[in-house]
C-alpha cells in the first residue's frame, strides 16, 4: 500500500467510526499520545511495538488528511531534499549540516537559519 492509499483508508475509517475529523489541536495531542505509547513499548521491550508504531502512522495519516496535506508528495519531496544535504562530524561526534539553510527576513534578505524561536516569523 502506498502512502496516499493509506491516507485515504485511514480517513475513511475515521469517518466510519465517528472519530475526530475537525479538531486539529486535539489530533496533534492524540498523535503525541500514540508516540508516547510506542516509546513505552520500545523502552519496556513489549512485543506490540509494531502495532504501536502503526497507530502513530495512522494518526499521522489522518492528521495529514485533516489539514489537506498530501503526505505522499511531501515525504517524496523531503526524501529528495534530504538526499542533497551534506554533513560533517563535529568533535563531540554529532553531525552538522554543511550547507547553511537560509530564510528571508522581513526585508527579504536571506540569512542563516539557526532553528531558534527568533527565526520563526
N, C-alpha and C. Protein backbone atom coordinates (compact mmCIF):
# COMPACT_ATOMS: atom_id res chain seq x y z
N UNK A 1 0.85 -1.17 0.00
CA UNK A 1 0.00 0.00 0.00
C UNK A 1 0.90 1.24 0.00
N UNK A 2 0.58 2.21 -0.85
CA UNK A 2 1.35 3.45 -0.85
C UNK A 2 0.80 4.41 0.19
N UNK A 3 1.53 5.49 0.42
CA UNK A 3 1.14 6.43 1.47
C UNK A 3 -0.20 7.08 1.16
N UNK A 4 -0.41 7.44 -0.09
CA UNK A 4 -1.66 8.11 -0.46
C UNK A 4 -2.87 7.21 -0.20
N UNK A 5 -2.76 5.94 -0.56
CA UNK A 5 -3.85 4.99 -0.32
C UNK A 5 -4.08 4.80 1.18
N UNK A 6 -3.00 4.71 1.93
CA UNK A 6 -3.12 4.56 3.39
C UNK A 6 -3.79 5.79 3.99
N UNK A 7 -3.46 6.97 3.48
CA UNK A 7 -4.07 8.21 3.99
C UNK A 7 -5.58 8.19 3.73
N UNK A 8 -5.96 7.78 2.54
CA UNK A 8 -7.37 7.70 2.19
C UNK A 8 -8.10 6.68 3.06
N UNK A 9 -7.49 5.54 3.28
CA UNK A 9 -8.12 4.49 4.09
C UNK A 9 -8.22 4.89 5.56
N UNK A 10 -7.17 5.53 6.08
CA UNK A 10 -7.20 5.98 7.48
C UNK A 10 -8.31 7.01 7.67
N UNK A 11 -8.48 7.90 6.71
CA UNK A 11 -9.51 8.93 6.80
C UNK A 11 -10.90 8.30 6.73
N UNK A 12 -11.08 7.36 5.80
CA UNK A 12 -12.38 6.68 5.67
C UNK A 12 -12.75 5.97 6.97
N UNK A 13 -11.77 5.38 7.64
CA UNK A 13 -12.03 4.71 8.91
C UNK A 13 -12.44 5.71 9.99
N UNK A 14 -11.77 6.88 10.01
CA UNK A 14 -12.12 7.92 11.00
C UNK A 14 -13.58 8.33 10.81
N UNK A 15 -13.99 8.52 9.57
CA UNK A 15 -15.37 8.93 9.29
C UNK A 15 -16.34 7.81 9.67
N UNK A 16 -16.02 6.58 9.26
CA UNK A 16 -16.92 5.45 9.53
C UNK A 16 -17.12 5.22 11.02
N UNK A 17 -16.08 5.44 11.82
CA UNK A 17 -16.15 5.19 13.26
C UNK A 17 -16.61 6.41 14.06
N UNK A 18 -16.73 7.57 13.39
CA UNK A 18 -17.15 8.78 14.09
C UNK A 18 -16.04 9.41 14.91
N UNK A 19 -14.79 9.15 14.52
CA UNK A 19 -13.65 9.73 15.23
C UNK A 19 -13.49 11.21 14.84
N UNK A 20 -12.65 11.91 15.57
CA UNK A 20 -12.38 13.32 15.32
C UNK A 20 -11.94 13.55 13.88
N UNK A 21 -12.58 14.52 13.21
CA UNK A 21 -12.18 14.89 11.85
C UNK A 21 -12.04 16.40 11.68
N UNK A 22 -12.19 17.15 12.77
CA UNK A 22 -12.17 18.62 12.64
C UNK A 22 -11.24 19.32 13.63
N UNK A 23 -10.96 18.73 14.76
CA UNK A 23 -10.20 19.40 15.82
C UNK A 23 -8.70 19.09 15.66
N UNK A 24 -8.00 19.96 14.94
CA UNK A 24 -6.59 19.73 14.64
C UNK A 24 -5.73 19.71 15.91
N UNK A 25 -5.88 20.68 16.85
CA UNK A 25 -5.07 20.60 18.07
C UNK A 25 -5.27 19.29 18.83
N UNK A 26 -6.51 18.82 18.91
CA UNK A 26 -6.77 17.55 19.57
C UNK A 26 -6.04 16.41 18.86
N UNK A 27 -6.05 16.43 17.54
CA UNK A 27 -5.42 15.36 16.78
C UNK A 27 -3.91 15.34 17.01
N UNK A 28 -3.30 16.52 17.11
CA UNK A 28 -1.86 16.58 17.44
C UNK A 28 -1.62 15.97 18.81
N UNK A 29 -2.48 16.27 19.77
CA UNK A 29 -2.33 15.71 21.12
C UNK A 29 -2.50 14.19 21.11
N UNK A 30 -3.48 13.71 20.36
CA UNK A 30 -3.67 12.26 20.27
C UNK A 30 -2.47 11.59 19.60
N UNK A 31 -1.92 12.24 18.58
CA UNK A 31 -0.72 11.71 17.92
C UNK A 31 0.44 11.64 18.90
N UNK A 32 0.60 12.68 19.69
CA UNK A 32 1.66 12.69 20.70
C UNK A 32 1.47 11.54 21.69
N UNK A 33 0.24 11.28 22.07
CA UNK A 33 -0.04 10.17 22.97
C UNK A 33 0.34 8.84 22.36
N UNK A 34 0.07 8.67 21.08
CA UNK A 34 0.44 7.43 20.39
C UNK A 34 1.96 7.28 20.30
N UNK A 35 2.66 8.38 20.09
CA UNK A 35 4.13 8.33 20.07
C UNK A 35 4.65 7.90 21.44
N UNK A 36 4.05 8.43 22.49
CA UNK A 36 4.45 8.05 23.85
C UNK A 36 4.21 6.57 24.10
N UNK A 37 3.07 6.06 23.62
CA UNK A 37 2.79 4.63 23.78
C UNK A 37 3.81 3.78 23.02
N UNK A 38 4.19 4.21 21.83
CA UNK A 38 5.19 3.47 21.05
C UNK A 38 6.54 3.49 21.77
N UNK A 39 6.90 4.64 22.32
CA UNK A 39 8.16 4.72 23.05
C UNK A 39 8.15 3.78 24.25
N UNK A 40 7.05 3.78 24.96
CA UNK A 40 6.94 2.91 26.14
C UNK A 40 7.03 1.44 25.74
N UNK A 41 6.42 1.08 24.63
CA UNK A 41 6.51 -0.30 24.14
C UNK A 41 7.96 -0.66 23.82
N UNK A 42 8.68 0.27 23.20
CA UNK A 42 10.09 0.02 22.88
C UNK A 42 10.92 -0.05 24.15
N UNK A 43 10.71 0.92 25.05
CA UNK A 43 11.51 1.01 26.27
C UNK A 43 11.38 -0.23 27.13
N UNK A 44 10.20 -0.79 27.16
CA UNK A 44 9.97 -1.95 28.02
C UNK A 44 10.09 -3.28 27.28
N UNK A 45 10.42 -3.22 26.00
CA UNK A 45 10.63 -4.45 25.23
C UNK A 45 9.35 -5.22 24.92
N UNK A 46 8.23 -4.51 24.88
CA UNK A 46 6.97 -5.18 24.58
C UNK A 46 6.93 -5.66 23.14
N UNK A 47 6.19 -6.72 22.91
CA UNK A 47 6.09 -7.30 21.57
C UNK A 47 5.19 -6.50 20.65
N UNK A 48 4.40 -5.57 21.19
CA UNK A 48 3.45 -4.83 20.36
C UNK A 48 4.01 -3.51 19.83
N UNK A 49 5.34 -3.36 19.80
CA UNK A 49 5.94 -2.13 19.30
C UNK A 49 5.46 -1.83 17.88
N UNK A 50 5.43 -2.84 17.01
CA UNK A 50 4.99 -2.62 15.63
C UNK A 50 3.57 -2.09 15.56
N UNK A 51 2.70 -2.64 16.38
CA UNK A 51 1.32 -2.18 16.41
C UNK A 51 1.23 -0.73 16.89
N UNK A 52 2.03 -0.39 17.89
CA UNK A 52 2.04 0.98 18.39
C UNK A 52 2.58 1.94 17.32
N UNK A 53 3.61 1.53 16.60
CA UNK A 53 4.13 2.38 15.52
C UNK A 53 3.10 2.52 14.41
N UNK A 54 2.33 1.47 14.16
CA UNK A 54 1.25 1.55 13.17
C UNK A 54 0.21 2.57 13.62
N UNK A 55 -0.11 2.59 14.92
CA UNK A 55 -1.04 3.60 15.44
C UNK A 55 -0.51 5.01 15.17
N UNK A 56 0.78 5.22 15.38
CA UNK A 56 1.39 6.53 15.12
C UNK A 56 1.19 6.89 13.65
N UNK A 57 1.48 5.95 12.77
CA UNK A 57 1.34 6.21 11.33
C UNK A 57 -0.11 6.54 10.98
N UNK A 58 -1.05 5.80 11.53
CA UNK A 58 -2.46 6.02 11.22
C UNK A 58 -2.92 7.39 11.70
N UNK A 59 -2.51 7.79 12.90
CA UNK A 59 -2.86 9.13 13.38
C UNK A 59 -2.23 10.20 12.51
N UNK A 60 -0.98 10.00 12.09
CA UNK A 60 -0.30 10.97 11.23
C UNK A 60 -1.00 11.07 9.87
N UNK A 61 -1.39 9.93 9.31
CA UNK A 61 -2.10 9.93 8.03
C UNK A 61 -3.43 10.68 8.15
N UNK A 62 -4.16 10.45 9.24
CA UNK A 62 -5.42 11.16 9.45
C UNK A 62 -5.21 12.65 9.62
N UNK A 63 -4.17 13.02 10.35
CA UNK A 63 -3.87 14.44 10.54
C UNK A 63 -3.51 15.10 9.22
N UNK A 64 -2.76 14.40 8.39
CA UNK A 64 -2.42 14.94 7.07
C UNK A 64 -3.68 15.19 6.25
N UNK A 65 -4.59 14.24 6.26
CA UNK A 65 -5.84 14.40 5.51
C UNK A 65 -6.66 15.55 6.10
N UNK A 66 -6.70 15.64 7.41
CA UNK A 66 -7.47 16.68 8.09
C UNK A 66 -6.97 18.08 7.72
N UNK A 67 -5.67 18.20 7.50
CA UNK A 67 -5.06 19.51 7.21
C UNK A 67 -4.82 19.73 5.72
N UNK A 68 -5.27 18.80 4.88
CA UNK A 68 -5.14 18.98 3.44
C UNK A 68 -3.75 18.74 2.89
N UNK A 69 -2.95 17.96 3.58
CA UNK A 69 -1.58 17.67 3.14
C UNK A 69 -1.56 16.32 2.44
N UNK A 70 -1.01 16.30 1.22
CA UNK A 70 -0.78 15.04 0.52
C UNK A 70 0.54 14.50 1.05
N UNK A 71 0.46 13.61 2.03
CA UNK A 71 1.66 13.15 2.72
C UNK A 71 2.62 12.41 1.78
N UNK A 72 2.10 11.69 0.81
CA UNK A 72 2.99 11.00 -0.13
C UNK A 72 3.86 12.01 -0.88
N UNK A 73 3.25 13.07 -1.41
CA UNK A 73 4.03 14.10 -2.11
C UNK A 73 5.06 14.72 -1.18
N UNK A 74 4.66 15.01 0.05
CA UNK A 74 5.56 15.68 0.99
C UNK A 74 6.73 14.77 1.40
N UNK A 75 6.45 13.50 1.64
CA UNK A 75 7.51 12.56 2.02
C UNK A 75 8.49 12.38 0.86
N UNK A 76 7.97 12.22 -0.34
CA UNK A 76 8.84 12.07 -1.50
C UNK A 76 9.72 13.30 -1.69
N UNK A 77 9.14 14.50 -1.56
CA UNK A 77 9.90 15.74 -1.72
C UNK A 77 10.96 15.87 -0.62
N UNK A 78 10.60 15.51 0.61
CA UNK A 78 11.54 15.65 1.73
C UNK A 78 12.69 14.66 1.60
N UNK A 79 12.40 13.44 1.18
CA UNK A 79 13.48 12.45 0.98
C UNK A 79 14.43 12.93 -0.10
N UNK A 80 13.89 13.49 -1.19
CA UNK A 80 14.75 14.02 -2.25
C UNK A 80 15.60 15.19 -1.74
N UNK A 81 15.00 16.05 -0.95
CA UNK A 81 15.73 17.20 -0.39
C UNK A 81 16.84 16.73 0.55
N UNK A 82 16.50 15.76 1.43
CA UNK A 82 17.50 15.25 2.37
C UNK A 82 18.67 14.58 1.65
N UNK A 83 18.41 13.97 0.51
CA UNK A 83 19.46 13.28 -0.24
C UNK A 83 20.52 14.26 -0.75
N UNK A 84 20.17 15.52 -0.92
CA UNK A 84 21.12 16.51 -1.43
C UNK A 84 21.94 17.16 -0.32
N UNK A 85 21.58 16.94 0.91
CA UNK A 85 22.28 17.58 2.03
C UNK A 85 23.57 16.85 2.37
N UNK A 86 24.55 17.61 2.81
CA UNK A 86 25.81 17.02 3.26
C UNK A 86 26.05 17.39 4.71
N UNK A 87 26.79 16.54 5.41
CA UNK A 87 27.02 16.71 6.84
C UNK A 87 28.50 16.53 7.15
N UNK A 88 28.90 17.07 8.27
CA UNK A 88 30.26 16.85 8.77
C UNK A 88 30.16 16.43 10.23
N UNK A 89 31.12 15.64 10.66
CA UNK A 89 31.13 15.16 12.05
C UNK A 89 31.80 16.21 12.92
N UNK A 90 31.14 16.61 13.99
CA UNK A 90 31.68 17.56 14.95
C UNK A 90 32.58 16.84 15.95
N UNK A 91 33.43 17.58 16.66
CA UNK A 91 34.30 16.94 17.64
C UNK A 91 33.57 16.12 18.70
N UNK A 92 32.31 16.49 19.00
CA UNK A 92 31.56 15.74 20.01
C UNK A 92 30.88 14.50 19.43
N UNK A 93 31.09 14.25 18.13
CA UNK A 93 30.55 13.05 17.49
C UNK A 93 29.23 13.25 16.78
N UNK A 94 28.57 14.37 17.01
CA UNK A 94 27.29 14.59 16.34
C UNK A 94 27.53 15.11 14.92
N UNK A 95 26.49 15.04 14.10
CA UNK A 95 26.58 15.51 12.72
C UNK A 95 25.98 16.90 12.60
N UNK A 96 26.60 17.73 11.75
CA UNK A 96 26.08 19.06 11.47
C UNK A 96 26.00 19.23 9.96
N UNK A 97 24.93 19.80 9.51
CA UNK A 97 24.77 20.03 8.07
C UNK A 97 25.79 21.05 7.62
N UNK A 98 26.39 20.82 6.47
CA UNK A 98 27.42 21.73 5.97
C UNK A 98 26.85 22.84 5.11
N UNK A 99 25.66 22.65 4.57
CA UNK A 99 25.03 23.69 3.77
C UNK A 99 24.17 24.54 4.69
N UNK A 100 24.41 25.84 4.70
CA UNK A 100 23.63 26.72 5.56
C UNK A 100 22.22 26.87 5.00
N UNK A 101 21.23 26.70 5.86
CA UNK A 101 19.85 26.97 5.47
C UNK A 101 19.61 28.45 5.65
N UNK A 102 18.92 29.02 4.73
CA UNK A 102 18.60 30.43 4.85
C UNK A 102 17.11 30.64 4.69
N UNK A 103 16.66 31.73 5.22
CA UNK A 103 15.27 32.12 5.03
C UNK A 103 15.24 33.64 4.92
N UNK A 104 14.30 34.19 4.17
CA UNK A 104 14.25 35.65 4.05
C UNK A 104 13.79 36.28 5.35
N UNK A 105 14.42 37.39 5.70
CA UNK A 105 13.94 38.13 6.86
C UNK A 105 12.81 39.06 6.41
N UNK A 106 12.37 39.92 7.26
CA UNK A 106 11.22 40.77 6.92
C UNK A 106 11.51 41.73 5.76
N UNK A 107 12.78 42.02 5.52
CA UNK A 107 13.14 42.90 4.42
C UNK A 107 13.50 42.12 3.15
N UNK A 108 13.34 40.81 3.21
CA UNK A 108 13.63 39.99 2.04
C UNK A 108 15.08 39.52 1.94
N UNK A 109 15.93 39.90 2.90
CA UNK A 109 17.32 39.46 2.90
C UNK A 109 17.39 38.03 3.40
N UNK A 110 18.30 37.27 2.86
CA UNK A 110 18.45 35.88 3.29
C UNK A 110 19.54 35.81 4.35
N UNK A 111 19.29 35.05 5.41
CA UNK A 111 20.25 34.90 6.50
C UNK A 111 20.24 33.45 6.96
N UNK A 112 21.30 32.99 7.58
CA UNK A 112 21.32 31.61 8.08
C UNK A 112 20.21 31.39 9.08
N UNK A 113 19.63 30.23 9.02
CA UNK A 113 18.58 29.87 9.97
C UNK A 113 19.20 29.02 11.06
N UNK A 114 18.98 29.42 12.30
CA UNK A 114 19.57 28.70 13.42
C UNK A 114 18.63 27.67 14.01
N UNK A 115 17.35 27.77 13.69
CA UNK A 115 16.36 26.88 14.28
C UNK A 115 15.82 27.41 15.60
N UNK A 116 16.31 28.56 16.03
CA UNK A 116 15.83 29.15 17.27
C UNK A 116 14.49 29.83 17.04
N UNK A 117 13.77 30.03 18.10
CA UNK A 117 12.44 30.66 18.02
C UNK A 117 12.49 32.00 17.31
N UNK A 118 13.57 32.73 17.45
CA UNK A 118 13.68 34.04 16.81
C UNK A 118 13.63 33.94 15.29
N UNK A 119 13.90 32.77 14.73
CA UNK A 119 13.86 32.58 13.30
C UNK A 119 12.46 32.39 12.76
N UNK A 120 11.52 32.05 13.63
CA UNK A 120 10.15 31.78 13.21
C UNK A 120 9.43 33.11 13.05
N UNK A 121 8.85 33.33 11.88
CA UNK A 121 8.16 34.60 11.64
C UNK A 121 6.70 34.40 11.48
